[in-house]
C-alpha atoms as a PDB file:
ATOM      1  CA  MET A   1     223.103 215.882 195.624  1.00  0.00           C
ATOM      2  CA  SER A   2     225.194 212.654 197.024  1.00  0.00           C
ATOM      3  CA  ASP A   3     222.787 210.154 196.532  1.00  0.00           C
ATOM      4  CA  ILE A   4     222.647 210.554 192.903  1.00  0.00           C
ATOM      5  CA  GLN A   5     224.098 207.770 191.223  1.00  0.00           C
ATOM      6  CA  ILE A   6     225.106 208.062 187.353  1.00  0.00           C
ATOM      7  CA  VAL A   7     225.281 204.510 185.680  1.00  0.00           C
ATOM      8  CA  GLY A   8     228.802 203.782 184.832  1.00  0.00           C
ATOM      9  CA  ALA A   9     230.010 201.837 181.954  1.00  0.00           C
ATOM     10  CA  PRO A  10     230.664 198.023 182.038  1.00  0.00           C
ATOM     11  CA  ALA A  11     234.056 196.769 182.440  1.00  0.00           C
ATOM     12  CA  GLY A  12     236.173 197.288 179.057  1.00  0.00           C
ATOM     13  CA  VAL A  13     238.881 198.658 177.251  1.00  0.00           C
ATOM     14  CA  GLU A  14     238.510 202.682 176.316  1.00  0.00           C
ATOM     15  CA  GLY A  15     241.046 204.416 174.155  1.00  0.00           C
ATOM     16  CA  ALA A  16     240.323 207.463 172.021  1.00  0.00           C
ATOM     17  CA  GLY A  17     237.157 207.421 169.964  1.00  0.00           C
ATOM     18  CA  PHE A  18     236.178 203.520 171.447  1.00  0.00           C
ATOM     19  CA  PHE A  19     235.132 201.452 173.968  1.00  0.00           C
ATOM     20  CA  ALA A  20     235.141 197.770 173.871  1.00  0.00           C
ATOM     21  CA  THR A  21     233.338 195.327 176.086  1.00  0.00           C
ATOM     22  CA  SER A  22     231.641 191.908 176.099  1.00  0.00           C
ATOM     23  CA  LEU A  23     228.249 191.412 174.957  1.00  0.00           C
ATOM     24  CA  ASP A  24     227.102 190.061 178.251  1.00  0.00           C
ATOM     25  CA  LYS A  25     228.094 193.007 180.106  1.00  0.00           C
ATOM     26  CA  ALA A  26     226.642 195.523 177.627  1.00  0.00           C
ATOM     27  CA  VAL A  27     223.485 193.635 177.370  1.00  0.00           C
ATOM     28  CA  GLY A  28     223.378 193.442 181.069  1.00  0.00           C
ATOM     29  CA  LEU A  29     223.606 196.975 181.444  1.00  0.00           C
ATOM     30  CA  ALA A  30     220.887 197.764 179.131  1.00  0.00           C
ATOM     31  CA  ARG A  31     218.237 195.540 180.684  1.00  0.00           C
ATOM     32  CA  ALA A  32     219.341 196.408 184.184  1.00  0.00           C
ATOM     33  CA  ASN A  33     218.224 199.790 183.609  1.00  0.00           C
ATOM     34  CA  SER A  34     215.281 199.211 181.441  1.00  0.00           C
ATOM     35  CA  LEU A  35     212.850 196.680 183.502  1.00  0.00           C
ATOM     36  CA  TRP A  36     209.334 196.764 182.872  1.00  0.00           C
ATOM     37  CA  PRO A  37     207.488 195.779 186.071  1.00  0.00           C
ATOM     38  CA  LEU A  38     204.257 193.876 186.177  1.00  0.00           C
ATOM     39  CA  PRO A  39     202.468 194.467 189.636  1.00  0.00           C
ATOM     40  CA  PHE A  40     200.492 191.748 190.708  1.00  0.00           C
ATOM     41  CA  ALA A  41     198.797 193.404 193.712  1.00  0.00           C
ATOM     42  CA  THR A  42     196.060 191.957 195.901  1.00  0.00           C
ATOM     43  CA  SER A  43     196.366 193.669 199.322  1.00  0.00           C
ATOM     44  CA  CYS A  44     198.154 196.327 201.719  1.00  0.00           C
ATOM     45  CA  CYS A  45     201.425 195.627 199.829  1.00  0.00           C
ATOM     46  CA  GLY A  46     199.901 196.886 196.959  1.00  0.00           C
ATOM     47  CA  ILE A  47     199.566 200.276 198.523  1.00  0.00           C
ATOM     48  CA  GLU A  48     202.987 200.520 199.443  1.00  0.00           C
ATOM     49  CA  PHE A  49     203.940 199.664 195.988  1.00  0.00           C
ATOM     50  CA  MET A  50     201.672 202.689 195.117  1.00  0.00           C
ATOM     51  CA  ALA A  51     203.854 204.950 197.669  1.00  0.00           C
ATOM     52  CA  THR A  52     207.222 203.410 196.059  1.00  0.00           C
ATOM     53  CA  MET A  53     205.741 204.831 192.439  1.00  0.00           C
ATOM     54  CA  ALA A  54     204.951 208.046 193.972  1.00  0.00           C
ATOM     55  CA  SER A  55     207.000 210.976 193.835  1.00  0.00           C
ATOM     56  CA  HIS A  56     208.691 210.837 196.858  1.00  0.00           C
ATOM     57  CA  TYR A  57     210.284 207.432 196.385  1.00  0.00           C
ATOM     58  CA  ASP A  58     209.922 207.409 192.642  1.00  0.00           C
ATOM     59  CA  LEU A  59     210.967 204.039 191.027  1.00  0.00           C
ATOM     60  CA  SER A  60     211.175 205.455 187.750  1.00  0.00           C
ATOM     61  CA  ARG A  61     214.558 206.781 188.748  1.00  0.00           C
ATOM     62  CA  PHE A  62     216.089 203.383 188.394  1.00  0.00           C
ATOM     63  CA  GLY A  63     214.716 202.584 184.947  1.00  0.00           C
ATOM     64  CA  ALA A  64     211.160 201.062 185.998  1.00  0.00           C
ATOM     65  CA  GLU A  65     209.111 204.107 184.519  1.00  0.00           C
ATOM     66  CA  ARG A  66     206.891 202.181 182.330  1.00  0.00           C
ATOM     67  CA  LEU A  67     204.632 199.732 184.129  1.00  0.00           C
ATOM     68  CA  SER A  68     203.497 197.198 182.360  1.00  0.00           C
ATOM     69  CA  PHE A  69     200.115 195.573 182.728  1.00  0.00           C
ATOM     70  CA  SER A  70     200.557 193.182 180.144  1.00  0.00           C
ATOM     71  CA  PRO A  71     202.359 190.365 180.778  1.00  0.00           C
ATOM     72  CA  ARG A  72     203.765 189.755 177.185  1.00  0.00           C
ATOM     73  CA  GLN A  73     205.422 193.088 177.289  1.00  0.00           C
ATOM     74  CA  ALA A  74     206.874 192.968 181.176  1.00  0.00           C
ATOM     75  CA  ASP A  75     209.923 191.466 182.268  1.00  0.00           C
ATOM     76  CA  LEU A  76     209.844 191.390 186.194  1.00  0.00           C
ATOM     77  CA  LEU A  77     206.576 190.288 187.662  1.00  0.00           C
ATOM     78  CA  MET A  78     206.235 191.773 191.280  1.00  0.00           C
ATOM     79  CA  VAL A  79     204.039 189.548 193.090  1.00  0.00           C
ATOM     80  CA  MET A  80     202.358 191.796 196.280  1.00  0.00           C
ATOM     81  CA  GLY A  81     200.153 190.538 198.644  1.00  0.00           C
ATOM     82  CA  THR A  82     198.191 187.876 199.914  1.00  0.00           C
ATOM     83  CA  ILE A  83     197.574 184.896 197.121  1.00  0.00           C
ATOM     84  CA  ALA A  84     194.739 182.321 197.610  1.00  0.00           C
ATOM     85  CA  LYS A  85     195.057 179.330 196.095  1.00  0.00           C
ATOM     86  CA  LYS A  86     192.369 180.156 193.931  1.00  0.00           C
ATOM     87  CA  MET A  87     194.268 182.805 192.271  1.00  0.00           C
ATOM     88  CA  GLY A  88     197.469 180.541 192.245  1.00  0.00           C
ATOM     89  CA  PRO A  89     196.719 179.287 188.451  1.00  0.00           C
ATOM     90  CA  VAL A  90     196.095 182.779 187.299  1.00  0.00           C
ATOM     91  CA  LEU A  91     199.032 183.581 188.644  1.00  0.00           C
ATOM     92  CA  ARG A  92     201.073 181.165 187.045  1.00  0.00           C
ATOM     93  CA  GLN A  93     199.126 181.775 183.604  1.00  0.00           C
ATOM     94  CA  VAL A  94     200.584 185.390 184.076  1.00  0.00           C
ATOM     95  CA  TYR A  95     204.126 183.715 184.497  1.00  0.00           C
ATOM     96  CA  LEU A  96     203.846 181.568 181.646  1.00  0.00           C
ATOM     97  CA  GLN A  97     202.799 184.336 179.227  1.00  0.00           C
ATOM     98  CA  MET A  98     205.911 186.718 179.894  1.00  0.00           C
ATOM     99  CA  ALA A  99     208.665 186.245 177.436  1.00  0.00           C
ATOM    100  CA  GLU A 100     211.981 185.127 178.768  1.00  0.00           C
ATOM    101  CA  PRO A 101     213.911 186.634 180.310  1.00  0.00           C
ATOM    102  CA  ARG A 102     211.812 187.009 182.796  1.00  0.00           C
ATOM    103  CA  TRP A 103     212.246 187.556 186.757  1.00  0.00           C
ATOM    104  CA  VAL A 104     210.051 187.297 189.850  1.00  0.00           C
ATOM    105  CA  MET A 105     210.019 189.461 192.995  1.00  0.00           C
ATOM    106  CA  ALA A 106     208.011 188.300 195.974  1.00  0.00           C
ATOM    107  CA  VAL A 107     207.282 191.458 197.883  1.00  0.00           C
ATOM    108  CA  GLY A 108     205.922 191.079 201.585  1.00  0.00           C
ATOM    109  CA  ALA A 109     205.518 188.591 203.817  1.00  0.00           C
ATOM    110  CA  CYS A 110     201.987 186.895 202.308  1.00  0.00           C
ATOM    111  CA  ALA A 111     203.769 186.675 199.099  1.00  0.00           C
ATOM    112  CA  SER A 112     206.955 185.114 200.283  1.00  0.00           C
ATOM    113  CA  SER A 113     205.769 182.814 203.096  1.00  0.00           C
ATOM    114  CA  GLY A 114     201.552 183.083 203.188  1.00  0.00           C
ATOM    115  CA  GLY A 115     202.334 185.978 206.120  1.00  0.00           C
ATOM    116  CA  ILE A 116     200.016 185.432 208.905  1.00  0.00           C
ATOM    117  CA  PHE A 117     197.611 183.338 206.918  1.00  0.00           C
ATOM    118  CA  ASP A 118     198.227 179.883 207.845  1.00  0.00           C
ATOM    119  CA  THR A 119     194.845 178.673 206.424  1.00  0.00           C
ATOM    120  CA  TYR A 120     194.061 176.212 203.851  1.00  0.00           C
ATOM    121  CA  SER A 121     193.072 178.772 201.671  1.00  0.00           C
ATOM    122  CA  VAL A 122     195.842 180.976 201.384  1.00  0.00           C
ATOM    123  CA  LEU A 123     199.377 179.815 199.267  1.00  0.00           C
ATOM    124  CA  GLN A 124     202.221 179.682 201.506  1.00  0.00           C
ATOM    125  CA  GLY A 125     204.629 181.529 199.311  1.00  0.00           C
ATOM    126  CA  ILE A 126     204.592 181.806 195.452  1.00  0.00           C
ATOM    127  CA  ASP A 127     207.334 179.857 195.232  1.00  0.00           C
ATOM    128  CA  GLU A 128     205.460 176.769 195.550  1.00  0.00           C
ATOM    129  CA  ILE A 129     204.154 177.402 192.210  1.00  0.00           C
ATOM    130  CA  ILE A 130     206.796 179.400 190.294  1.00  0.00           C
ATOM    131  CA  PRO A 131     210.578 180.350 190.722  1.00  0.00           C
ATOM    132  CA  VAL A 132     211.477 183.792 192.601  1.00  0.00           C
ATOM    133  CA  ASP A 133     214.276 185.405 191.815  1.00  0.00           C
ATOM    134  CA  VAL A 134     214.535 188.125 194.928  1.00  0.00           C
ATOM    135  CA  TYR A 135     212.258 188.267 198.381  1.00  0.00           C
ATOM    136  CA  VAL A 136     211.293 191.527 199.946  1.00  0.00           C
ATOM    137  CA  PRO A 137     210.500 191.124 203.786  1.00  0.00           C
ATOM    138  CA  GLY A 138     208.007 192.875 205.746  1.00  0.00           C
ATOM    139  CA  CYS A 139     204.143 193.005 206.564  1.00  0.00           C
ATOM    140  CA  PRO A 140     204.002 195.570 204.734  1.00  0.00           C
ATOM    141  CA  PRO A 141     207.364 196.223 203.439  1.00  0.00           C
ATOM    142  CA  ARG A 142     208.307 200.193 203.657  1.00  0.00           C
ATOM    143  CA  PRO A 143     209.052 201.856 200.241  1.00  0.00           C
ATOM    144  CA  GLU A 144     212.410 201.718 200.627  1.00  0.00           C
ATOM    145  CA  ALA A 145     212.615 197.713 201.013  1.00  0.00           C
ATOM    146  CA  ILE A 146     210.794 197.672 197.981  1.00  0.00           C
ATOM    147  CA  ILE A 147     213.350 199.922 196.220  1.00  0.00           C
ATOM    148  CA  ASP A 148     216.002 197.779 197.660  1.00  0.00           C
ATOM    149  CA  GLY A 149     214.685 194.559 196.493  1.00  0.00           C
ATOM    150  CA  PHE A 150     214.231 196.153 193.136  1.00  0.00           C
ATOM    151  CA  MET A 151     217.989 196.949 193.225  1.00  0.00           C
ATOM    152  CA  ASN A 152     219.031 193.433 193.882  1.00  0.00           C
ATOM    153  CA  ILE A 153     216.707 192.462 190.940  1.00  0.00           C
ATOM    154  CA  GLN A 154     218.737 195.125 188.589  1.00  0.00           C
ATOM    155  CA  SER A 155     222.473 193.822 190.284  1.00  0.00           C
ATOM    156  CA  LEU A 156     220.946 190.244 189.232  1.00  0.00           C
ATOM    157  CA  VAL A 157     220.148 190.935 185.744  1.00  0.00           C
ATOM    158  CA  LYS A 158     223.257 192.970 185.322  1.00  0.00           C
ATOM    159  CA  THR A 159     225.484 190.069 186.240  1.00  0.00           C
ATOM    160  CA  GLU A 160     223.289 187.165 184.453  1.00  0.00           C
ATOM    161  CA  SER A 161     224.734 185.819 181.263  1.00  0.00           C
ATOM    162  CA  VAL A 162     223.190 186.274 178.145  1.00  0.00           C
ATOM    163  CA  ARG A 163     222.960 182.186 177.881  1.00  0.00           C
ATOM    164  CA  ARG A 164     222.225 181.491 181.199  1.00  0.00           C
ATOM    165  CA  ARG A 165     218.220 181.055 180.562  1.00  0.00           C
ATOM    166  CA  ASN A 166     219.593 178.197 178.130  1.00  0.00           C
ATOM    167  CA  GLU A 167     221.779 176.664 180.274  1.00  0.00           C
ATOM    168  CA  PRO A 168     220.785 172.916 181.764  1.00  0.00           C
ATOM    169  CA  GLN A 169     220.552 174.329 185.639  1.00  0.00           C
ATOM    170  CA  TYR A 170     218.172 176.695 184.702  1.00  0.00           C
ATOM    171  CA  GLN A 171     216.216 174.163 182.540  1.00  0.00           C
ATOM    172  CA  GLU A 172     216.129 172.181 185.641  1.00  0.00           C
ATOM    173  CA  LEU A 173     214.762 174.590 187.499  1.00  0.00           C
ATOM    174  CA  LEU A 174     211.958 175.027 185.635  1.00  0.00           C
ATOM    175  CA  SER A 175     211.268 171.575 185.259  1.00  0.00           C
ATOM    176  CA  SER A 176     211.256 171.264 189.052  1.00  0.00           C
ATOM    177  CA  TYR A 177     207.857 173.448 188.479  1.00  0.00           C
ATOM    178  CA  GLY A 178     206.419 171.934 185.757  1.00  0.00           C
ATOM    179  CA  ILE A 179     207.383 174.624 183.339  1.00  0.00           C
ATOM    180  CA  GLN A 180     208.726 173.354 179.862  1.00  0.00           C
END
């Protein structure tokens, strides 16, 4: 029973019948606990993700109950497995179809760095074509590692400013990938 975590209210002023906090903290808390992931699984890391979603690990405990297989309804792209260079434009198109704010998690050695496949046909990390927020190591990573990566995304989302996506640094990052 000790491993159950209850989401606490964001820092603010409490009193009888009222609670005051900043909009950034309230929106961050809501976003962090209602992420809709889009799994982009191509190989063995996808099998580990299936185990993560199953009853023993149950990623839905963290607010990811609804997997989205439509990029227009997702806000977290989870790329799992080997990405061939021919698949790169498809992955980029899926990323571009997602609405802002959007986050990306590279799951496993192949999505992060090409893994053991140092060949002409394998993309050596998805960060060559889209920005990545969290890397999950492993070949394949255990469900615990995927959950840890998801929790890192949650903490990033929780602390991100509502206006961060409009700041010059973020726009510069996107333009370095050729995204406007």
